[in-house]
């Protein structure tokens, strides 16, 4: 900067104005800005726009030309204050830059540890890609690097495991579990998890290297449920025979094993299962020991064939799996499906219940205790999404995302972890079971009337069951499919539909809310949600615009989605949180 004359003039002008501007004389622009301070604006502009050295020179010049007038003294003081502010600002910027640099170094250190950890699982060529220069790596990726074929991976994996004969135990205690005709949505305990564990067991039973899979659950002999839930054993037939690559044996395949525990002749909700878990563990331990001996006689040369892993699903099964894993010295896996700490936070945010009321209703503290125990006992925790790891599991005392990466890196390098342990988190998004999904004639045609004329196959019965609700069945459909549970947030969907007249004129609303015979026979929470929905339908006079059939079969779900597609409709999931992604 050649000189500071203009700064001196600027300062003199500000000082001549005085500490403030009279509101009556201020411009319209200043009045619109509210509490605008020209002095503060000037100081900020000078501090941010000029170097500290230039400001120091301005102060030296003001001090050198000091006269007896008060105005020059004020000018000197102002220059010194601005210079001091600039120095302070520069110091703060340096400290902030240092903090950012430290954070970047810490992040880079963690990334390198994670990269080194992951490199243990890579081939030599892939390791070279990691440590090579960027341009060479880019050329390899864009040029000669072959695309990985999942079919080839499966074939290689199958060849490696074809001589293995694993025994795997899955545990899912609550709800009504059976292989066919699942009553999904019958109550809050018989939902997506039932479908998940049954199809997982069925798929594992057909995998190469897996000889037997047992899905342990509760035996229910209550008069208000179907007799099939009282059968001690149910074999899960494979969907296809293509993947059955190993020799079938007498006890091979996937089975649902129903263990009797808890009150007899009574179907109880999951919140009431906790006191009966020790009884289940005793009976399950007896079954596993007996089955291990049987498998030993068949494939183990007389030696017991113990489970290669015990996999608990949800907190109650995780608690049981932890006890069984410790008793048998068998590795444990855990899938939370939904987590207690996250649910507690969501319920507290709603503000409808206190912490004590939530604990009384949902036994939430016992559930959280079981999840902490499962974390401590598990070798691997399976999640559906990264969000579940980063925002839900990190709420627990037994898990820290950064520490988990560091400990895993130390273990792979053979370095001591000083007694610290943390399970490995693995993201495995749920798959899709396509057995019941069969393309129909005209599936890609959106015109319902034209499809009805040209289609050679009759419409599925569930279509007429839904369409009977509508006064104009040709409008596009808004489809929601979930059980009437408060966390599924169906009441908000109905309220939004009722309050938007243009939407009501444009579309119909279809609510598939599980299966029910009578509202009086439903659980308290589900009945409350359904009654709220019926009241909203009456409040907004949505008769003829909302469908809510009482029954549907599992194999009819694809037909329900197909109907929404044919009407050029949409599917909506209004749930607060969806653990399955």
Protein backbone atom coordinates (compact mmCIF):
# COMPACT_ATOMS: atom_id res chain seq x y z
CA UNK A 1 0.00 0.00 0.00
CA UNK A 2 1.60 3.26 -1.19
CA UNK A 3 0.07 5.46 1.48
CA UNK A 4 -2.56 5.68 4.17
CA UNK A 5 -4.04 9.09 3.38
CA UNK A 6 -7.36 7.67 2.31
CA UNK A 7 -7.57 5.64 5.53
CA UNK A 8 -6.97 8.76 7.61
CA UNK A 9 -9.63 10.60 5.64
CA UNK A 10 -12.05 7.71 6.09
CA UNK A 11 -11.42 7.66 9.82
CA UNK A 12 -11.85 11.43 10.09
CA UNK A 13 -15.14 11.24 8.24
CA UNK A 14 -16.43 8.54 10.59
CA UNK A 15 -15.29 10.48 13.66
CA UNK A 16 -16.95 13.66 12.40
CA UNK A 17 -20.26 11.81 12.07
CA UNK A 18 -20.19 10.83 15.71
CA UNK A 19 -21.07 7.60 17.46
CA UNK A 20 -24.46 7.23 15.80
CA UNK A 21 -26.75 8.44 13.06
CA UNK A 22 -29.98 10.19 13.94
CA UNK A 23 -32.90 8.00 12.90
CA UNK A 24 -34.79 11.00 11.57
CA UNK A 25 -31.92 11.89 9.17
CA UNK A 26 -30.94 8.35 8.21
CA UNK A 27 -31.66 7.12 4.73
CA UNK A 28 -34.45 4.71 3.89
CA UNK A 29 -31.83 2.05 3.14
CA UNK A 30 -30.32 2.30 6.61
CA UNK A 31 -33.74 2.20 8.26
CA UNK A 32 -34.60 -0.93 6.28
CA UNK A 33 -31.40 -2.60 7.47
CA UNK A 34 -32.36 -2.18 11.12
CA UNK A 35 -29.48 -1.65 13.58
CA UNK A 36 -26.89 -0.75 10.96
CA UNK A 37 -23.66 0.68 12.40
CA UNK A 38 -21.43 2.50 9.88
CA UNK A 39 -18.55 2.46 12.37
CA UNK A 40 -18.72 -1.31 12.75
CA UNK A 41 -19.10 -1.73 9.00
CA UNK A 42 -16.03 0.44 8.37
CA UNK A 43 -13.90 -1.36 10.97
CA UNK A 44 -14.83 -4.79 9.59
CA UNK A 45 -14.05 -3.68 6.04
CA UNK A 46 -10.66 -2.27 7.04
CA UNK A 47 -9.72 -5.29 9.17
CA UNK A 48 -10.62 -7.80 6.49
CA UNK A 49 -9.33 -5.79 3.54
CA UNK A 50 -5.85 -4.72 4.61
CA UNK A 51 -2.73 -6.24 6.04
CA UNK A 52 -1.73 -5.81 9.68
CA UNK A 53 1.49 -4.00 8.61
CA UNK A 54 -0.45 -1.32 6.75
CA UNK A 55 -2.68 -0.70 9.75
CA UNK A 56 0.39 -0.40 11.98
CA UNK A 57 1.84 2.24 9.66
CA UNK A 58 -1.43 4.19 9.85
CA UNK A 59 -1.23 4.23 13.63
CA UNK A 60 2.44 5.36 13.55
CA UNK A 61 1.55 8.19 11.20
CA UNK A 62 -1.41 9.29 13.34
CA UNK A 63 0.80 9.27 16.46
CA UNK A 64 3.58 11.23 14.73
CA UNK A 65 1.25 14.06 13.67
CA UNK A 66 -0.49 14.29 17.01
CA UNK A 67 -1.56 17.85 17.92
CA UNK A 68 -3.37 19.46 20.80
CA UNK A 69 -6.77 18.88 19.25
CA UNK A 70 -8.98 16.13 20.69
CA UNK A 71 -9.85 15.04 17.19
CA UNK A 72 -6.27 13.94 16.43
CA UNK A 73 -6.06 12.04 19.72
CA UNK A 74 -9.22 10.20 18.84
CA UNK A 75 -7.81 9.46 15.41
CA UNK A 76 -4.66 7.97 16.98
CA UNK A 77 -6.70 5.86 19.40
CA UNK A 78 -8.96 4.66 16.61
CA UNK A 79 -5.99 3.63 14.47
CA UNK A 80 -4.45 1.74 17.38
CA UNK A 81 -7.72 -0.06 18.18
CA UNK A 82 -8.23 -1.11 14.57
CA UNK A 83 -4.64 -2.33 14.37
CA UNK A 84 -5.11 -4.30 17.60
CA UNK A 85 -8.35 -5.82 16.29
CA UNK A 86 -6.56 -6.88 13.12
CA UNK A 87 -3.81 -8.54 15.16
CA UNK A 88 -6.36 -10.36 17.30
CA UNK A 89 -8.28 -11.49 14.23
CA UNK A 90 -5.09 -12.76 12.60
CA UNK A 91 -4.19 -14.68 15.76
CA UNK A 92 -7.63 -16.30 15.85
CA UNK A 93 -7.34 -17.23 12.18
CA UNK A 94 -3.98 -18.87 12.81
CA UNK A 95 -5.40 -20.85 15.74
CA UNK A 96 -8.42 -21.92 13.67
CA UNK A 97 -6.16 -22.96 10.80
CA UNK A 98 -4.10 -25.01 13.25
CA UNK A 99 -7.22 -26.72 14.58
CA UNK A 100 -8.37 -27.54 11.04
CA UNK A 101 -4.94 -28.89 10.21
CA UNK A 102 -5.01 -31.11 13.30
CA UNK A 103 -8.47 -32.37 12.36
CA UNK A 104 -7.30 -33.12 8.82
CA UNK A 105 -4.27 -34.97 10.16
CA UNK A 106 -6.45 -37.01 12.51
CA UNK A 107 -8.87 -37.79 9.69
CA UNK A 108 -6.02 -38.73 7.37
CA UNK A 109 -4.48 -40.94 10.05
CA UNK A 110 -7.81 -42.73 10.53
CA UNK A 111 -8.21 -43.10 6.78
CA UNK A 112 -4.75 -44.59 6.43
CA UNK A 113 -5.40 -47.04 9.24
CA UNK A 114 -8.69 -48.02 7.63
CA UNK A 115 -7.00 -48.35 4.23
CA UNK A 116 -4.23 -50.46 5.72
CA UNK A 117 -6.87 -52.57 7.45
CA UNK A 118 -8.86 -53.07 4.26
CA UNK A 119 -5.74 -53.78 2.23
CA UNK A 120 -5.33 -57.00 4.24
CA UNK A 121 -8.32 -58.38 2.30
CA UNK A 122 -7.04 -57.31 -1.16
CA UNK A 123 -5.00 -59.19 -3.68
CA UNK A 124 -1.44 -58.14 -4.50
CA UNK A 125 -2.59 -56.39 -7.65
CA UNK A 126 -5.26 -54.46 -5.81
CA UNK A 127 -2.75 -53.46 -3.13
CA UNK A 128 -0.55 -52.07 -5.88
CA UNK A 129 -3.47 -49.96 -7.06
CA UNK A 130 -3.79 -48.48 -3.59
CA UNK A 131 -0.15 -47.48 -3.19
CA UNK A 132 0.58 -46.58 -6.81
CA UNK A 133 0.45 -43.09 -8.24
CA UNK A 134 -2.91 -41.59 -9.10
CA UNK A 135 -2.42 -41.35 -12.87
CA UNK A 136 -1.32 -44.95 -13.20
CA UNK A 137 -4.20 -46.07 -11.02
CA UNK A 138 -6.64 -44.08 -13.12
CA UNK A 139 -5.28 -45.66 -16.30
CA UNK A 140 -5.64 -49.15 -14.88
CA UNK A 141 -9.18 -48.55 -13.71
CA UNK A 142 -10.33 -46.93 -16.93
CA UNK A 143 -8.41 -49.31 -19.15
CA UNK A 144 -7.47 -52.90 -18.43
CA UNK A 145 -9.11 -53.51 -15.05
CA UNK A 146 -11.80 -56.20 -15.60
CA UNK A 147 -15.30 -55.83 -14.24
CA UNK A 148 -16.05 -58.20 -11.37
CA UNK A 149 -18.82 -60.69 -12.14
CA UNK A 150 -20.94 -61.66 -9.12
CA UNK A 151 -21.76 -65.02 -10.74
CA UNK A 152 -18.06 -65.85 -10.98
CA UNK A 153 -17.59 -64.88 -7.34
CA UNK A 154 -20.45 -67.16 -6.27
CA UNK A 155 -19.06 -70.05 -8.31
CA UNK A 156 -15.59 -69.59 -6.81
CA UNK A 157 -17.04 -69.35 -3.32
CA UNK A 158 -19.18 -72.45 -3.91
CA UNK A 159 -16.15 -74.43 -5.07
CA UNK A 160 -14.23 -73.41 -1.95
CA UNK A 161 -17.03 -74.48 0.39
CA UNK A 162 -18.42 -77.50 -1.43
CA UNK A 163 -16.73 -79.90 0.99
CA UNK A 164 -17.90 -78.01 4.11
CA UNK A 165 -20.96 -79.04 6.10
CA UNK A 166 -21.88 -76.14 8.35
CA UNK A 167 -24.57 -76.12 11.02
CA UNK A 168 -26.05 -72.62 11.60
CA UNK A 169 -28.51 -71.54 14.28
CA UNK A 170 -30.79 -68.50 13.86
CA UNK A 171 -32.96 -67.17 16.70
CA UNK A 172 -36.08 -64.99 16.39
CA UNK A 173 -38.37 -65.27 19.38
CA UNK A 174 -41.38 -62.99 18.99
CA UNK A 175 -44.20 -63.01 16.48
CA UNK A 176 -45.89 -65.86 14.63
CA UNK A 177 -43.36 -67.61 12.40
CA UNK A 178 -44.11 -70.20 9.76
CA UNK A 179 -42.76 -70.98 6.31
CA UNK A 180 -45.89 -70.53 4.22
CA UNK A 181 -48.95 -68.30 4.55
CA UNK A 182 -47.26 -65.81 6.87
CA UNK A 183 -49.78 -63.60 8.66
CA UNK A 184 -47.73 -60.44 8.21
CA UNK A 185 -49.41 -57.47 9.86
CA UNK A 186 -51.60 -59.62 12.10
CA UNK A 187 -50.06 -57.82 15.07
CA UNK A 188 -47.12 -55.54 15.77
CA UNK A 189 -44.80 -58.53 16.37
CA UNK A 190 -45.56 -60.31 13.09
CA UNK A 191 -44.06 -57.96 10.55
CA UNK A 192 -41.13 -57.66 8.20
CA UNK A 193 -38.71 -59.40 10.56
CA UNK A 194 -40.70 -62.64 10.28
CA UNK A 195 -40.36 -62.58 6.50
CA UNK A 196 -36.69 -61.64 6.80
CA UNK A 197 -35.62 -64.49 9.09
CA UNK A 198 -37.66 -67.17 7.31
CA UNK A 199 -36.28 -66.29 3.88
CA UNK A 200 -32.77 -65.97 5.34
CA UNK A 201 -33.00 -69.47 6.81
CA UNK A 202 -34.45 -70.85 3.59
CA UNK A 203 -31.71 -69.26 1.47
CA UNK A 204 -28.92 -70.38 3.82
CA UNK A 205 -30.25 -73.93 3.64
CA UNK A 206 -29.57 -74.02 -0.11
CA UNK A 207 -26.11 -72.48 0.05
CA UNK A 208 -23.09 -74.65 -0.76
CA UNK A 209 -21.25 -75.73 2.35
CA UNK A 210 -24.30 -75.35 4.63
CA UNK A 211 -25.70 -78.68 5.78
CA UNK A 212 -28.38 -77.61 8.25
CA UNK A 213 -30.02 -74.38 9.43
CA UNK A 214 -32.23 -74.19 12.53
CA UNK A 215 -34.47 -71.16 13.06
CA UNK A 216 -35.39 -71.25 16.75
CA UNK A 217 -38.58 -69.50 17.82
CA UNK A 218 -41.35 -69.82 20.40
CA UNK A 219 -43.92 -72.59 20.24
CA UNK A 220 -47.42 -71.09 20.49
CA UNK A 221 -50.34 -73.36 21.36
CA UNK A 222 -52.90 -70.63 22.04
CA UNK A 223 -56.51 -71.13 20.93
CA UNK A 224 -56.58 -67.74 19.18
CA UNK A 225 -53.79 -68.64 16.72
CA UNK A 226 -53.46 -71.27 14.02
CA UNK A 227 -52.49 -74.81 15.02
CA UNK A 228 -49.41 -74.74 12.77
CA UNK A 229 -47.61 -72.52 15.29
CA UNK A 230 -47.72 -75.39 17.79
CA UNK A 231 -45.88 -77.83 15.52
CA UNK A 232 -42.44 -78.55 17.05
CA UNK A 233 -40.65 -78.75 13.68
CA UNK A 234 -41.36 -77.36 10.22
CA UNK A 235 -39.11 -77.93 7.23
CA UNK A 236 -38.59 -74.95 4.93
CA UNK A 237 -38.75 -76.20 1.37
CA UNK A 238 -36.29 -74.49 -0.98
CA UNK A 239 -37.73 -72.12 -3.59
CA UNK A 240 -35.60 -73.68 -6.32
CA UNK A 241 -33.35 -76.71 -6.62
CA UNK A 242 -30.74 -74.90 -8.73
CA UNK A 243 -28.60 -73.85 -5.78
CA UNK A 244 -28.67 -77.20 -3.97
CA UNK A 245 -25.14 -78.20 -4.85
CA UNK A 246 -24.36 -80.41 -1.90
CA UNK A 247 -25.46 -83.93 -1.17
CA UNK A 248 -28.72 -84.04 0.75
CA UNK A 249 -28.61 -85.89 4.03
CA UNK A 250 -31.17 -87.20 6.45
CA UNK A 251 -31.20 -84.04 8.60
CA UNK A 252 -30.02 -81.51 6.02
CA UNK A 253 -31.92 -78.39 4.98
CA UNK A 254 -33.55 -75.49 6.80
CA UNK A 255 -36.01 -75.96 9.66
CA UNK A 256 -38.16 -73.90 11.99
CA UNK A 257 -37.71 -75.32 15.49
CA UNK A 258 -40.39 -74.18 17.94
CA UNK A 259 -39.21 -74.24 21.54
CA UNK A 260 -41.88 -74.35 24.29
CA UNK A 261 -41.29 -71.64 26.89
CA UNK A 262 -43.31 -69.00 28.64
CA UNK A 263 -47.00 -69.26 29.59
CA UNK A 264 -48.73 -72.26 28.03
CA UNK A 265 -51.76 -71.79 25.77
CA UNK A 266 -51.11 -68.06 25.47
CA UNK A 267 -49.65 -65.89 22.73
CA UNK A 268 -47.76 -63.03 24.39
CA UNK A 269 -46.24 -59.83 22.93
CA UNK A 270 -42.48 -59.35 22.80
CA UNK A 271 -42.54 -57.00 25.80
CA UNK A 272 -43.69 -59.94 27.96
CA UNK A 273 -41.02 -62.39 26.77
CA UNK A 274 -38.10 -61.05 28.84
CA UNK A 275 -38.74 -63.03 32.08
CA UNK A 276 -38.91 -66.29 30.11
CA UNK A 277 -35.61 -66.02 28.21
CA UNK A 278 -33.65 -68.24 30.68
CA UNK A 279 -36.22 -70.99 30.11
CA UNK A 280 -35.79 -70.66 26.35
CA UNK A 281 -32.00 -70.80 26.65
CA UNK A 282 -32.16 -74.04 28.65
CA UNK A 283 -34.46 -75.70 26.10
CA UNK A 284 -32.50 -74.35 23.12
CA UNK A 285 -29.24 -75.59 24.63
CA UNK A 286 -30.74 -79.05 24.98
CA UNK A 287 -31.91 -79.03 21.34
CA UNK A 288 -28.54 -77.85 19.99
CA UNK A 289 -26.64 -80.50 21.94
CA UNK A 290 -28.96 -83.23 20.72
CA UNK A 291 -28.81 -82.02 17.11
CA UNK A 292 -25.01 -81.74 17.25
CA UNK A 293 -24.81 -85.41 18.24
CA UNK A 294 -27.21 -86.42 15.47
CA UNK A 295 -25.25 -84.48 12.87
CA UNK A 296 -22.03 -85.94 14.24
CA UNK A 297 -23.31 -89.44 13.52
CA UNK A 298 -24.35 -88.41 10.00
CA UNK A 299 -21.49 -86.22 8.80
CA UNK A 300 -19.01 -85.82 11.66
CA UNK A 301 -17.58 -89.30 11.95
CA UNK A 302 -19.06 -89.71 15.41
CA UNK A 303 -17.82 -86.35 16.70
CA UNK A 304 -20.48 -83.71 17.54
CA UNK A 305 -21.00 -81.07 14.85
CA UNK A 306 -21.46 -77.81 16.73
CA UNK A 307 -22.95 -74.68 15.16
CA UNK A 308 -20.47 -72.60 13.21
CA UNK A 309 -22.38 -69.50 14.39
CA UNK A 310 -25.44 -68.44 16.39
CA UNK A 311 -27.30 -65.48 14.90
CA UNK A 312 -29.72 -63.50 17.08
CA UNK A 313 -32.41 -61.29 15.55
CA UNK A 314 -33.78 -58.39 17.64
CA UNK A 315 -32.86 -57.65 21.25
CA UNK A 316 -34.66 -60.60 22.89
CA UNK A 317 -33.02 -63.12 20.57
CA UNK A 318 -29.69 -61.30 20.92
CA UNK A 319 -29.87 -61.73 24.69
CA UNK A 320 -30.55 -65.45 24.21
CA UNK A 321 -27.84 -65.85 21.57
CA UNK A 322 -25.28 -64.22 23.87
CA UNK A 323 -26.01 -66.77 26.59
CA UNK A 324 -25.94 -69.71 24.16
CA UNK A 325 -22.76 -68.43 22.52
CA UNK A 326 -21.02 -68.26 25.88
CA UNK A 327 -22.23 -71.69 26.96
CA UNK A 328 -21.18 -73.41 23.72
CA UNK A 329 -18.12 -71.26 22.94
CA UNK A 330 -19.58 -70.55 19.49
CA UNK A 331 -19.23 -67.23 17.59
CA UNK A 332 -22.28 -64.98 17.72
CA UNK A 333 -23.79 -62.70 15.09
CA UNK A 334 -26.46 -60.10 15.78
CA UNK A 335 -29.01 -58.18 13.73
CA UNK A 336 -30.91 -55.52 15.66
CA UNK A 337 -33.68 -54.87 13.07
CA UNK A 338 -34.70 -51.88 15.20
CA UNK A 339 -32.88 -50.44 18.20
CA UNK A 340 -34.10 -49.44 21.65
CA UNK A 341 -32.08 -46.27 22.15
CA UNK A 342 -33.23 -44.87 18.83
CA UNK A 343 -36.85 -45.73 19.59
CA UNK A 344 -36.55 -44.11 23.02
CA UNK A 345 -35.27 -40.90 21.43
CA UNK A 346 -38.09 -40.87 18.88
CA UNK A 347 -40.76 -41.42 21.54
CA UNK A 348 -39.31 -38.71 23.78
CA UNK A 349 -39.29 -36.26 20.85
CA UNK A 350 -43.00 -36.90 20.29
CA UNK A 351 -43.60 -35.74 23.86
CA UNK A 352 -46.64 -37.95 24.45
CA UNK A 353 -45.07 -40.12 27.15
CA UNK A 354 -42.50 -39.67 29.87
CA UNK A 355 -39.42 -41.87 30.10
CA UNK A 356 -41.05 -43.89 32.90
CA UNK A 357 -44.23 -44.43 30.88
CA UNK A 358 -42.23 -45.51 27.85
CA UNK A 359 -40.27 -48.00 29.93
CA UNK A 360 -43.47 -49.39 31.45
CA UNK A 361 -45.10 -49.82 28.04
CA UNK A 362 -42.18 -51.06 25.95
CA UNK A 363 -39.74 -52.43 28.59
CA UNK A 364 -37.26 -50.21 26.78
CA UNK A 365 -34.49 -50.28 29.40
CA UNK A 366 -34.46 -54.08 29.45
CA UNK A 367 -34.27 -54.03 25.68
CA UNK A 368 -31.34 -51.59 25.68
CA UNK A 369 -29.56 -53.74 28.26
CA UNK A 370 -29.98 -56.76 25.98
CA UNK A 371 -28.63 -54.82 23.00
CA UNK A 372 -25.56 -53.74 24.97
CA UNK A 373 -25.00 -57.38 25.97
CA UNK A 374 -25.38 -58.44 22.34
CA UNK A 375 -22.79 -55.87 21.29
CA UNK A 376 -20.36 -57.19 23.86
CA UNK A 377 -20.85 -60.83 22.86
CA UNK A 378 -21.04 -60.53 19.05
CA UNK A 379 -18.22 -61.04 16.60
CA UNK A 380 -20.21 -59.38 13.81
CA UNK A 381 -23.22 -57.04 13.85
CA UNK A 382 -25.22 -57.01 10.61
CA UNK A 383 -26.98 -53.78 9.64
CA UNK A 384 -29.10 -52.74 6.66
CA UNK A 385 -27.67 -49.26 6.07
CA UNK A 386 -24.74 -47.02 6.99
CA UNK A 387 -27.24 -44.77 8.76
CA UNK A 388 -27.92 -47.55 11.24
CA UNK A 389 -24.22 -47.64 12.15
CA UNK A 390 -23.48 -43.93 12.15
CA UNK A 391 -26.64 -42.61 13.80
CA UNK A 392 -28.16 -45.50 15.77
CA UNK A 393 -25.48 -47.89 16.96
CA UNK A 394 -23.19 -45.03 17.93
CA UNK A 395 -25.69 -44.19 20.69
CA UNK A 396 -24.58 -47.34 22.57
CA UNK A 397 -21.85 -47.58 25.16
CA UNK A 398 -20.45 -50.71 23.53
CA UNK A 399 -19.74 -49.20 20.12
CA UNK A 400 -17.68 -46.35 18.69
CA UNK A 401 -17.24 -46.16 14.88
CA UNK A 402 -13.69 -44.76 14.92
CA UNK A 403 -12.47 -47.07 17.67
CA UNK A 404 -13.96 -50.06 15.84
CA UNK A 405 -11.85 -49.32 12.75
CA UNK A 406 -8.70 -48.86 14.82
CA UNK A 407 -9.19 -52.06 16.81
CA UNK A 408 -9.88 -54.04 13.65
CA UNK A 409 -6.67 -52.69 12.11
CA UNK A 410 -4.65 -53.63 15.22
CA UNK A 411 -6.12 -57.14 15.26
CA UNK A 412 -5.21 -57.77 11.62
CA UNK A 413 -1.66 -56.55 12.23
CA UNK A 414 -1.28 -58.70 15.31
CA UNK A 415 -0.93 -55.69 17.62
CA UNK A 416 -2.34 -55.83 21.14
CA UNK A 417 -5.71 -54.12 21.71
CA UNK A 418 -5.03 -53.89 25.47
CA UNK A 419 -8.20 -55.80 26.32
CA UNK A 420 -10.51 -53.62 24.21
CA UNK A 421 -13.03 -55.34 21.93
CA UNK A 422 -15.71 -54.15 19.56
CA UNK A 423 -17.77 -56.17 17.05
CA UNK A 424 -17.32 -55.64 13.35
CA UNK A 425 -20.21 -53.78 11.68
CA UNK A 426 -21.25 -55.12 8.28
CA UNK A 427 -23.83 -53.49 5.99
CA UNK A 428 -25.93 -56.08 4.14
CA UNK A 429 -29.03 -54.49 2.55
CA UNK A 430 -32.06 -56.81 2.57
CA UNK A 431 -32.73 -58.61 -0.69
CA UNK A 432 -35.92 -59.32 -2.58
CA UNK A 433 -37.76 -62.62 -2.78
CA UNK A 434 -39.15 -62.96 -6.33
CA UNK A 435 -40.91 -66.30 -5.92
CA UNK A 436 -44.44 -64.85 -5.97
CA UNK A 437 -43.73 -62.15 -8.56
CA UNK A 438 -44.95 -63.38 -11.95
CA UNK A 439 -45.34 -60.94 -14.87
CA UNK A 440 -48.90 -60.74 -16.21
CA UNK A 441 -50.24 -59.73 -19.59
CA UNK A 442 -50.10 -55.98 -20.13
CA UNK A 443 -48.06 -55.25 -17.01
CA UNK A 444 -46.30 -52.42 -18.80
CA UNK A 445 -49.54 -50.87 -20.03
CA UNK A 446 -50.93 -48.17 -17.77
CA UNK A 447 -54.47 -48.07 -19.23
CA UNK A 448 -56.70 -50.08 -16.91
CA UNK A 449 -59.68 -50.24 -19.27
CA UNK A 450 -57.59 -51.36 -22.26
CA UNK A 451 -55.88 -54.01 -20.12
CA UNK A 452 -59.25 -55.35 -19.03
CA UNK A 453 -60.28 -55.73 -22.68
CA UNK A 454 -57.02 -57.25 -23.97
CA UNK A 455 -55.85 -59.32 -20.99
CA UNK A 456 -56.31 -63.07 -21.30
CA UNK A 457 -56.06 -63.72 -17.54
CA UNK A 458 -58.69 -62.71 -14.97
CA UNK A 459 -57.98 -59.92 -12.52
CA UNK A 460 -56.60 -61.02 -9.15
CA UNK A 461 -59.31 -61.20 -6.44
CA UNK A 462 -57.52 -58.60 -4.31
CA UNK A 463 -58.17 -56.01 -7.03
CA UNK A 464 -61.93 -56.19 -6.65
CA UNK A 465 -61.51 -56.22 -2.88
CA UNK A 466 -59.72 -52.86 -3.12
CA UNK A 467 -61.73 -51.31 -5.94
CA UNK A 468 -65.06 -51.80 -4.17
CA UNK A 469 -64.13 -48.95 -1.82
CA UNK A 470 -63.80 -46.34 -4.58
CA UNK A 471 -66.53 -44.28 -6.20
CA UNK A 472 -64.11 -43.58 -9.09
CA UNK A 473 -61.72 -46.56 -9.35
CA UNK A 474 -59.96 -45.19 -12.45
CA UNK A 475 -58.08 -42.46 -10.60
CA UNK A 476 -54.37 -43.01 -9.82
CA UNK A 477 -53.70 -44.79 -6.55
CA UNK A 478 -51.59 -43.67 -3.61
CA UNK A 479 -50.52 -46.95 -1.99
CA UNK A 480 -49.22 -47.46 1.56
CA UNK A 481 -48.55 -50.94 2.89
CA UNK A 482 -47.74 -51.27 6.60
CA UNK A 483 -49.28 -52.62 9.76
CA UNK A 484 -51.27 -50.08 11.85
CA UNK A 485 -48.42 -49.32 14.21
CA UNK A 486 -47.83 -45.77 15.55
CA UNK A 487 -44.27 -45.67 14.19
CA UNK A 488 -45.54 -46.35 10.66
CA UNK A 489 -47.16 -42.88 10.72
CA UNK A 490 -50.21 -43.82 8.64
CA UNK A 491 -52.45 -41.30 10.43
CA UNK A 492 -50.31 -38.42 9.14
CA UNK A 493 -50.69 -39.76 5.60
CA UNK A 494 -54.49 -39.86 5.90
CA UNK A 495 -54.55 -36.38 7.44
CA UNK A 496 -52.40 -34.96 4.63
CA UNK A 497 -54.64 -36.61 2.03
CA UNK A 498 -57.77 -35.28 3.70
CA UNK A 499 -56.49 -31.70 3.98
CA UNK A 500 -55.42 -31.45 0.31
CA UNK A 501 -58.52 -31.10 -1.87
CA UNK A 502 -56.60 -31.06 -5.21
CA UNK A 503 -54.95 -34.35 -4.22
CA UNK A 504 -58.29 -35.92 -3.31
CA UNK A 505 -59.70 -34.91 -6.69
CA UNK A 506 -56.68 -36.38 -8.46
CA UNK A 507 -56.11 -39.72 -6.69
CA UNK A 508 -57.44 -42.46 -4.42
CA UNK A 509 -55.71 -43.66 -1.25
CA UNK A 510 -55.17 -47.37 -0.54
CA UNK A 511 -54.10 -48.50 2.93
CA UNK A 512 -53.04 -52.14 3.29
CA UNK A 513 -52.83 -52.41 7.07
CA UNK A 514 -52.22 -56.08 7.73
CA UNK A 515 -55.00 -58.56 8.46
CA UNK A 516 -57.80 -58.24 10.98
CA UNK A 517 -61.10 -59.90 11.81
CA UNK A 518 -62.37 -57.41 14.38
CA UNK A 519 -60.95 -54.20 15.79
CA UNK A 520 -61.82 -55.43 19.28
CA UNK A 521 -59.46 -58.39 18.81
CA UNK A 522 -56.49 -56.22 17.78
CA UNK A 523 -53.72 -55.16 20.14
CA UNK A 524 -54.22 -51.85 21.92
CA UNK A 525 -51.73 -49.79 19.89
CA UNK A 526 -52.83 -51.19 16.53
CA UNK A 527 -56.51 -50.76 17.35
CA UNK A 528 -55.88 -47.17 18.41
CA UNK A 529 -54.17 -46.36 15.10
CA UNK A 530 -56.94 -47.95 13.05
CA UNK A 531 -59.65 -46.11 14.99
CA UNK A 532 -57.78 -42.83 14.47
CA UNK A 533 -57.67 -43.49 10.73
CA UNK A 534 -61.39 -44.27 10.61
CA UNK A 535 -62.14 -41.05 12.49
CA UNK A 536 -60.00 -39.06 10.04
CA UNK A 537 -61.84 -40.64 7.11
CA UNK A 538 -65.10 -39.53 8.68
CA UNK A 539 -63.77 -36.08 9.59
CA UNK A 540 -62.65 -35.26 6.05
CA UNK A 541 -65.52 -37.22 4.42
CA UNK A 542 -63.16 -39.49 2.49
CA UNK A 543 -65.74 -42.21 1.84
CA UNK A 544 -65.31 -43.51 -1.69
CA UNK A 545 -61.73 -42.23 -1.81
CA UNK A 546 -59.90 -44.45 0.72
CA UNK A 547 -59.62 -48.25 0.63
CA UNK A 548 -58.69 -50.26 3.73
CA UNK A 549 -59.40 -53.98 3.10
CA UNK A 550 -59.41 -56.30 6.10
CA UNK A 551 -57.50 -59.24 4.62
CA UNK A 552 -54.83 -60.02 2.08
CA UNK A 553 -52.52 -62.97 1.50
CA UNK A 554 -48.76 -62.74 1.27
CA UNK A 555 -48.77 -63.92 -2.34
CA UNK A 556 -51.20 -61.11 -3.22
CA UNK A 557 -48.74 -58.32 -2.33
CA UNK A 558 -47.21 -58.24 -5.86
CA UNK A 559 -50.75 -57.94 -7.28
CA UNK A 560 -51.38 -54.94 -5.01
CA UNK A 561 -48.29 -53.19 -6.32
CA UNK A 562 -49.28 -54.17 -9.86
CA UNK A 563 -52.67 -52.49 -9.40
CA UNK A 564 -51.00 -49.28 -8.25
CA UNK A 565 -48.77 -49.38 -11.33
CA UNK A 566 -51.69 -49.95 -13.69
CA UNK A 567 -53.48 -46.89 -12.34
CA UNK A 568 -50.26 -44.88 -12.78
CA UNK A 569 -50.14 -44.45 -9.03
CA UNK A 570 -47.35 -44.15 -6.48
CA UNK A 571 -46.16 -46.01 -3.39
CA UNK A 572 -45.41 -44.03 -0.23
CA UNK A 573 -43.70 -45.04 3.00
CA UNK A 574 -44.57 -42.44 5.68
CA UNK A 575 -42.80 -44.28 8.53
CA UNK A 576 -40.67 -42.19 10.90
CA UNK A 577 -37.80 -44.69 10.62
CA UNK A 578 -37.46 -47.72 8.35
CA UNK A 579 -34.82 -50.16 9.67
CA UNK A 580 -34.83 -52.10 6.42
CA UNK A 581 -33.62 -49.11 4.41
